Amino acid sequence: MSKPTAPVTMITGEPLIQPTEPTGPVPAQSVIKTLEILLADARAGEIQSIAYVVGTPDGTGNGWQGMNRQNMAMLGELAVLNRDIMDLLITTRLNPETGEVDYVPE
């Protein structure tokens, strides 16, 4: 018998079986918080353009919006971000099966 991927309910709406593990991607609360802060800043007019890279369960993507006279400065910031991510990858080791940090050198 296969394990259900969603709760099975009776006509009354009472669950008969609850899934024991998440049925889909788990929201990353730190990402949500950061996006909410950025959105509030954009709504206040503090952010005029954005370049981004996203990681999803299926891969990665990138894009930009509202590029303006700060294009060259933004390219510089992307270079700094690239270096910061490389530093993180060099100093931490992720378990490829779990995605959890296995080793952080001191």
N, C-alpha and C. Protein backbone atom coordinates (compact mmCIF):
# COMPACT_ATOMS: atom_id res chain seq x y z
N MET A 1 0.85 -1.18 0.00
CA MET A 1 0.00 0.00 0.00
C MET A 1 0.89 1.24 0.00
N SER A 2 0.62 2.19 -0.88
CA SER A 2 1.45 3.40 -0.96
C SER A 2 1.07 4.39 0.13
N LYS A 3 2.06 5.17 0.54
CA LYS A 3 1.86 6.18 1.58
C LYS A 3 1.14 7.38 0.96
N PRO A 4 0.07 7.88 1.58
CA PRO A 4 -0.63 9.04 1.03
C PRO A 4 0.27 10.28 1.08
N THR A 5 0.11 11.14 0.09
CA THR A 5 0.89 12.37 0.06
C THR A 5 0.11 13.55 0.60
N ALA A 6 -1.15 13.37 0.90
CA ALA A 6 -1.97 14.43 1.48
C ALA A 6 -2.94 13.79 2.46
N PRO A 7 -3.46 14.56 3.40
CA PRO A 7 -4.39 13.97 4.36
C PRO A 7 -5.61 13.38 3.66
N VAL A 8 -6.02 12.21 4.11
CA VAL A 8 -7.26 11.60 3.62
C VAL A 8 -8.35 12.03 4.59
N THR A 9 -9.45 12.59 4.07
CA THR A 9 -10.49 13.09 4.97
C THR A 9 -11.81 12.37 4.74
N MET A 10 -12.58 12.29 5.81
CA MET A 10 -13.93 11.75 5.71
C MET A 10 -14.85 12.87 5.26
N ILE A 11 -16.09 12.56 5.04
CA ILE A 11 -17.06 13.56 4.61
C ILE A 11 -17.18 14.67 5.64
N THR A 12 -16.98 14.36 6.91
CA THR A 12 -17.09 15.36 7.98
C THR A 12 -15.92 16.34 7.95
N GLY A 13 -14.89 16.02 7.19
CA GLY A 13 -13.72 16.88 7.13
C GLY A 13 -12.66 16.51 8.15
N GLU A 14 -12.90 15.48 8.95
CA GLU A 14 -11.91 15.05 9.94
C GLU A 14 -10.83 14.23 9.25
N PRO A 15 -9.56 14.53 9.52
CA PRO A 15 -8.49 13.76 8.88
C PRO A 15 -8.43 12.33 9.41
N LEU A 16 -8.28 11.38 8.50
CA LEU A 16 -8.10 9.99 8.88
C LEU A 16 -6.61 9.66 8.98
N ILE A 17 -5.83 10.16 8.04
CA ILE A 17 -4.40 9.89 8.00
C ILE A 17 -3.67 11.20 7.76
N GLN A 18 -2.70 11.50 8.59
CA GLN A 18 -1.87 12.68 8.40
C GLN A 18 -0.56 12.24 7.76
N PRO A 19 -0.03 12.99 6.80
CA PRO A 19 1.27 12.63 6.24
C PRO A 19 2.36 12.78 7.31
N THR A 20 3.37 11.95 7.24
CA THR A 20 4.43 11.99 8.23
C THR A 20 5.58 12.90 7.82
N GLU A 21 5.60 13.35 6.58
CA GLU A 21 6.65 14.25 6.11
C GLU A 21 6.03 15.28 5.18
N PRO A 22 6.70 16.40 4.95
CA PRO A 22 6.14 17.44 4.09
C PRO A 22 5.82 16.89 2.71
N THR A 23 4.73 17.39 2.13
CA THR A 23 4.31 16.92 0.81
C THR A 23 4.89 17.77 -0.31
N GLY A 24 5.63 18.80 0.01
CA GLY A 24 6.23 19.66 -1.00
C GLY A 24 7.36 20.46 -0.41
N PRO A 25 7.85 21.42 -1.15
CA PRO A 25 8.94 22.26 -0.64
C PRO A 25 8.54 22.97 0.65
N VAL A 26 9.47 23.06 1.57
CA VAL A 26 9.23 23.76 2.83
C VAL A 26 9.66 25.21 2.65
N PRO A 27 8.78 26.18 2.96
CA PRO A 27 9.15 27.59 2.80
C PRO A 27 10.38 27.95 3.63
N ALA A 28 11.29 28.70 3.03
CA ALA A 28 12.49 29.17 3.73
C ALA A 28 12.14 30.50 4.41
N GLN A 29 11.95 30.45 5.71
CA GLN A 29 11.50 31.64 6.44
C GLN A 29 12.47 32.80 6.33
N SER A 30 13.78 32.54 6.30
CA SER A 30 14.75 33.63 6.18
C SER A 30 14.63 34.31 4.82
N VAL A 31 14.32 33.53 3.78
CA VAL A 31 14.14 34.10 2.44
C VAL A 31 12.88 34.96 2.42
N ILE A 32 11.81 34.46 3.00
CA ILE A 32 10.55 35.21 3.05
C ILE A 32 10.74 36.53 3.78
N LYS A 33 11.43 36.50 4.91
CA LYS A 33 11.66 37.72 5.69
C LYS A 33 12.46 38.74 4.88
N THR A 34 13.51 38.27 4.21
CA THR A 34 14.33 39.18 3.40
C THR A 34 13.51 39.78 2.27
N LEU A 35 12.72 38.96 1.58
CA LEU A 35 11.89 39.47 0.48
C LEU A 35 10.86 40.50 0.98
N GLU A 36 10.30 40.26 2.15
CA GLU A 36 9.34 41.21 2.72
C GLU A 36 10.01 42.55 3.02
N ILE A 37 11.23 42.51 3.55
CA ILE A 37 11.97 43.75 3.83
C ILE A 37 12.27 44.48 2.53
N LEU A 38 12.75 43.74 1.52
CA LEU A 38 13.05 44.36 0.22
C LEU A 38 11.79 44.94 -0.42
N LEU A 39 10.69 44.24 -0.32
CA LEU A 39 9.44 44.74 -0.88
C LEU A 39 8.99 46.03 -0.19
N ALA A 40 9.11 46.07 1.12
CA ALA A 40 8.74 47.29 1.85
C ALA A 40 9.63 48.46 1.42
N ASP A 41 10.93 48.20 1.25
CA ASP A 41 11.85 49.24 0.79
C ASP A 41 11.51 49.70 -0.62
N ALA A 42 11.15 48.76 -1.48
CA ALA A 42 10.77 49.13 -2.86
C ALA A 42 9.48 49.95 -2.87
N ARG A 43 8.53 49.57 -2.05
CA ARG A 43 7.28 50.33 -1.98
C ARG A 43 7.50 51.74 -1.44
N ALA A 44 8.54 51.89 -0.59
CA ALA A 44 8.87 53.21 -0.04
C ALA A 44 9.73 54.03 -1.01
N GLY A 45 10.09 53.43 -2.14
CA GLY A 45 10.90 54.14 -3.12
C GLY A 45 12.39 54.06 -2.86
N GLU A 46 12.80 53.28 -1.86
CA GLU A 46 14.21 53.17 -1.52
C GLU A 46 14.97 52.25 -2.47
N ILE A 47 14.30 51.28 -3.05
CA ILE A 47 14.92 50.38 -4.02
C ILE A 47 14.35 50.71 -5.39
N GLN A 48 15.22 51.05 -6.32
CA GLN A 48 14.81 51.44 -7.67
C GLN A 48 15.11 50.36 -8.72
N SER A 49 16.04 49.47 -8.41
CA SER A 49 16.38 48.39 -9.33
C SER A 49 16.88 47.20 -8.53
N ILE A 50 16.82 46.03 -9.16
CA ILE A 50 17.22 44.81 -8.47
C ILE A 50 17.76 43.81 -9.48
N ALA A 51 18.80 43.11 -9.07
CA ALA A 51 19.33 41.95 -9.79
C ALA A 51 19.26 40.79 -8.81
N TYR A 52 18.89 39.61 -9.29
CA TYR A 52 18.69 38.52 -8.35
C TYR A 52 19.07 37.17 -8.96
N VAL A 53 19.36 36.24 -8.07
CA VAL A 53 19.57 34.84 -8.39
C VAL A 53 18.69 34.06 -7.44
N VAL A 54 17.97 33.08 -7.94
CA VAL A 54 17.10 32.28 -7.09
C VAL A 54 17.49 30.81 -7.17
N GLY A 55 17.31 30.12 -6.07
CA GLY A 55 17.49 28.67 -6.03
C GLY A 55 16.14 28.04 -5.72
N THR A 56 15.75 27.09 -6.52
CA THR A 56 14.48 26.40 -6.34
C THR A 56 14.74 24.91 -6.18
N PRO A 57 13.75 24.13 -5.79
CA PRO A 57 13.97 22.68 -5.73
C PRO A 57 14.38 22.10 -7.09
N ASP A 58 14.05 22.79 -8.17
CA ASP A 58 14.34 22.27 -9.51
C ASP A 58 15.57 22.87 -10.16
N GLY A 59 16.21 23.85 -9.53
CA GLY A 59 17.38 24.45 -10.16
C GLY A 59 17.58 25.89 -9.72
N THR A 60 18.15 26.68 -10.61
CA THR A 60 18.43 28.08 -10.31
C THR A 60 17.94 28.96 -11.45
N GLY A 61 17.87 30.25 -11.17
CA GLY A 61 17.48 31.22 -12.18
C GLY A 61 18.00 32.59 -11.78
N ASN A 62 17.89 33.53 -12.68
CA ASN A 62 18.34 34.89 -12.38
C ASN A 62 17.54 35.88 -13.20
N GLY A 63 17.67 37.14 -12.83
CA GLY A 63 16.98 38.19 -13.57
C GLY A 63 17.29 39.55 -13.00
N TRP A 64 16.70 40.55 -13.57
CA TRP A 64 16.86 41.92 -13.09
C TRP A 64 15.62 42.70 -13.47
N GLN A 65 15.47 43.82 -12.81
CA GLN A 65 14.32 44.69 -13.05
C GLN A 65 14.71 46.11 -12.70
N GLY A 66 14.30 47.06 -13.53
CA GLY A 66 14.48 48.47 -13.21
C GLY A 66 15.91 48.95 -13.31
N MET A 67 16.71 48.37 -14.18
CA MET A 67 18.10 48.82 -14.30
C MET A 67 18.12 50.29 -14.71
N ASN A 68 19.08 51.02 -14.15
CA ASN A 68 19.14 52.45 -14.40
C ASN A 68 20.58 52.94 -14.41
N ARG A 69 20.80 54.17 -14.04
CA ARG A 69 22.14 54.76 -14.09
C ARG A 69 23.14 54.09 -13.16
N GLN A 70 22.67 53.23 -12.29
CA GLN A 70 23.56 52.53 -11.35
C GLN A 70 24.00 51.17 -11.88
N ASN A 71 23.84 50.92 -13.16
CA ASN A 71 24.17 49.61 -13.71
C ASN A 71 25.59 49.17 -13.40
N MET A 72 26.57 50.04 -13.57
CA MET A 72 27.96 49.67 -13.33
C MET A 72 28.20 49.37 -11.85
N ALA A 73 27.62 50.17 -10.98
CA ALA A 73 27.76 49.92 -9.54
C ALA A 73 27.12 48.58 -9.17
N MET A 74 25.99 48.27 -9.80
CA MET A 74 25.33 46.99 -9.51
C MET A 74 26.18 45.82 -9.97
N LEU A 75 26.87 45.96 -11.10
CA LEU A 75 27.77 44.90 -11.54
C LEU A 75 28.88 44.67 -10.51
N GLY A 76 29.39 45.74 -9.94
CA GLY A 76 30.39 45.62 -8.89
C GLY A 76 29.84 44.89 -7.68
N GLU A 77 28.62 45.22 -7.30
CA GLU A 77 28.00 44.54 -6.15
C GLU A 77 27.79 43.05 -6.45
N LEU A 78 27.45 42.72 -7.69
CA LEU A 78 27.29 41.31 -8.05
C LEU A 78 28.63 40.57 -7.96
N ALA A 79 29.72 41.24 -8.30
CA ALA A 79 31.05 40.64 -8.17
C ALA A 79 31.36 40.37 -6.69
N VAL A 80 31.00 41.30 -5.82
CA VAL A 80 31.22 41.11 -4.38
C VAL A 80 30.36 39.94 -3.89
N LEU A 81 29.12 39.88 -4.33
CA LEU A 81 28.24 38.78 -3.93
C LEU A 81 28.82 37.44 -4.40
N ASN A 82 29.33 37.41 -5.61
CA ASN A 82 29.95 36.19 -6.14
C ASN A 82 31.10 35.75 -5.23
N ARG A 83 31.95 36.69 -4.85
CA ARG A 83 33.07 36.37 -3.97
C ARG A 83 32.57 35.87 -2.61
N ASP A 84 31.56 36.51 -2.05
CA ASP A 84 31.03 36.10 -0.75
C ASP A 84 30.47 34.67 -0.80
N ILE A 85 29.77 34.34 -1.87
CA ILE A 85 29.22 32.99 -2.01
C ILE A 85 30.36 31.99 -2.17
N MET A 86 31.37 32.32 -2.95
CA MET A 86 32.52 31.42 -3.11
C MET A 86 33.21 31.20 -1.76
N ASP A 87 33.39 32.26 -0.98
CA ASP A 87 33.99 32.12 0.35
C ASP A 87 33.17 31.17 1.22
N LEU A 88 31.85 31.31 1.17
CA LEU A 88 30.98 30.44 1.95
C LEU A 88 31.13 28.99 1.52
N LEU A 89 31.17 28.76 0.21
CA LEU A 89 31.30 27.40 -0.30
C LEU A 89 32.64 26.78 0.08
N ILE A 90 33.68 27.59 0.12
CA ILE A 90 35.01 27.09 0.46
C ILE A 90 35.09 26.75 1.95
N THR A 91 34.44 27.54 2.79
CA THR A 91 34.58 27.35 4.24
C THR A 91 33.52 26.44 4.85
N THR A 92 32.51 26.06 4.11
CA THR A 92 31.49 25.14 4.63
C THR A 92 31.34 23.97 3.67
N ARG A 93 30.98 22.85 4.22
CA ARG A 93 30.74 21.66 3.42
C ARG A 93 29.31 21.21 3.67
N LEU A 94 28.55 21.07 2.59
CA LEU A 94 27.17 20.62 2.73
C LEU A 94 27.08 19.14 2.37
N ASN A 95 26.30 18.41 3.13
CA ASN A 95 26.01 17.03 2.80
C ASN A 95 25.11 17.04 1.58
N PRO A 96 25.53 16.43 0.45
CA PRO A 96 24.72 16.51 -0.77
C PRO A 96 23.37 15.82 -0.66
N GLU A 97 23.25 14.88 0.26
CA GLU A 97 21.98 14.18 0.42
C GLU A 97 20.98 14.95 1.26
N THR A 98 21.47 15.62 2.32
CA THR A 98 20.55 16.30 3.23
C THR A 98 20.53 17.81 3.04
N GLY A 99 21.60 18.37 2.44
CA GLY A 99 21.70 19.81 2.30
C GLY A 99 22.12 20.50 3.59
N GLU A 100 22.43 19.72 4.62
CA GLU A 100 22.83 20.27 5.91
C GLU A 100 24.34 20.46 5.97
N VAL A 101 24.79 21.42 6.78
CA VAL A 101 26.22 21.67 6.94
C VAL A 101 26.81 20.52 7.75
N ASP A 102 27.82 19.85 7.15
CA ASP A 102 28.52 18.77 7.83
C ASP A 102 29.81 19.24 8.49
N TYR A 103 30.43 20.27 7.94
CA TYR A 103 31.75 20.66 8.42
C TYR A 103 31.96 22.15 8.20
N VAL A 104 32.36 22.84 9.23
CA VAL A 104 32.73 24.23 9.12
C VAL A 104 34.10 24.37 9.78
N PRO A 105 35.17 24.63 8.98
CA PRO A 105 36.49 24.74 9.59
C PRO A 105 36.56 25.91 10.53
N GLU A 106 37.41 25.79 11.56
CA GLU A 106 37.56 26.89 12.53
C GLU A 106 38.64 27.83 12.14
